[in-house]
Amino acid sequence: MARSNGTRVRLGVALAVPAALLAAACAGPGGPELEHDWSGTTTFALTRVDGLVTVVGVDPRRARARSLAVVPQRSDDTETLSPRLVRLADGRWLVSVPREGHGPDRRYLVNRRERVLDSLPGDERLRQVLPGRTLVAEVASLPDAETAGRAPASTVLVRDPADWSTLRELKVPGSVVLAASDPDSDTVCLGGARVTVAELTGGRVRPVAVPAGADIVGLACPGGRPVIVRSAVGRSPGGVRATLARTEDATTVTVAGGRVDGVAAHGSSVVLAVAEGDSTQVIEIDAVTGGERHRVRIAGMTASHALTRSPAGWLVYTDNAVTRVEPATGRVRGFPLPGTLLDA
């Protein structure tokens, strides 16, 4: 991809941006202390450090998280919706910052080689970027809290990540409150009152049958096949229990006895982060047979906000910390974030 001719941001300092538009652009007195050594970073997160949105590099093997760059803030950035971070299929990381009113989101690519943020032009007000294998879907109506569940249709823009040109616009019935994709497939899964699969290359949109009465609490999309996670009604006398059922169109996982805080899928596994009482359980299920492969309990974790895969194991994020979980060995190791988590 040719480098954007937009704003360059070097280690959190905005270049060629009028100073009047910036609420804060770089680390200074009272701001985060930025690391110049990015080695060992295999994944990123967004946190708020001293009031500034900060890109954090996570090194799961050495169990550490470091502030690397501050995202410039402007007076019309919104505080009601958090910035988002996503890894594209080609390995690049994209940061998007929503703005007040109907202004387009501001977007930056994390440039690891030069240790800067490269700005991208934007013309849409977006809520989530879903990376596919060769294309990217941008869901324009992942709802603000006050409009959730009331939109007659949602818009999905299909873009070419080589130059961010818009290839087509898809319409999906109803509001989208859950969305998932897989960098190995140009298909995305969207959920709300119903579940829909959108094929990015051909533009086909098709509904997926959902069990009657299902309370959908999570969604994954391995290979373009929906994994629908729902919460069972009532308590489970035997603690947290997850059961899996497969149909031609989708896989449904029903969880009883706990609150599902995260779902991810990789290979032939579905992984859940389920809160129960004063702990969180990370449960790995065989996506074909439905059998439980591993279960690891994280004591003292009453809620989590993100579940992601890393070369050193699964990472479970809370407000101010990360816990690395190795399901096969049962090993658990926690380490702090430098600020309050926004996205991971």
Foldseek 3Di string as FASTA:
>chain_A
DDADPDWKFAQQATPPDPPQFFPDGHADVQFFDADPDLPQFPDWFWFQTSNFTFIWGARVVVFDIGTHHTHTGGPFFDPQAFWEWDAALVGKIKIWTAGPDFADIWMWIQDVVRSITGTDDTGGGFRDWEHAQFKIKTKRPLDRPVCAFPDQWTKIFIAGVVRRDTDDIAIGGTGFNAKEYDNHAQKIWTDGPFIWIARRPVGDIDTDDDPPPFAFDHWYQVRNAIETEGEDPDADPVAWDWFWDDDPRHIYIYIHRFAWQEWYDDDQWIWTWTAHDQWTKIWIAGNPPRHTDFIAIGGRDRHFHYWDADPQAIWTHHQFKIWGADRVVNDIDMDTYSHTGRYD
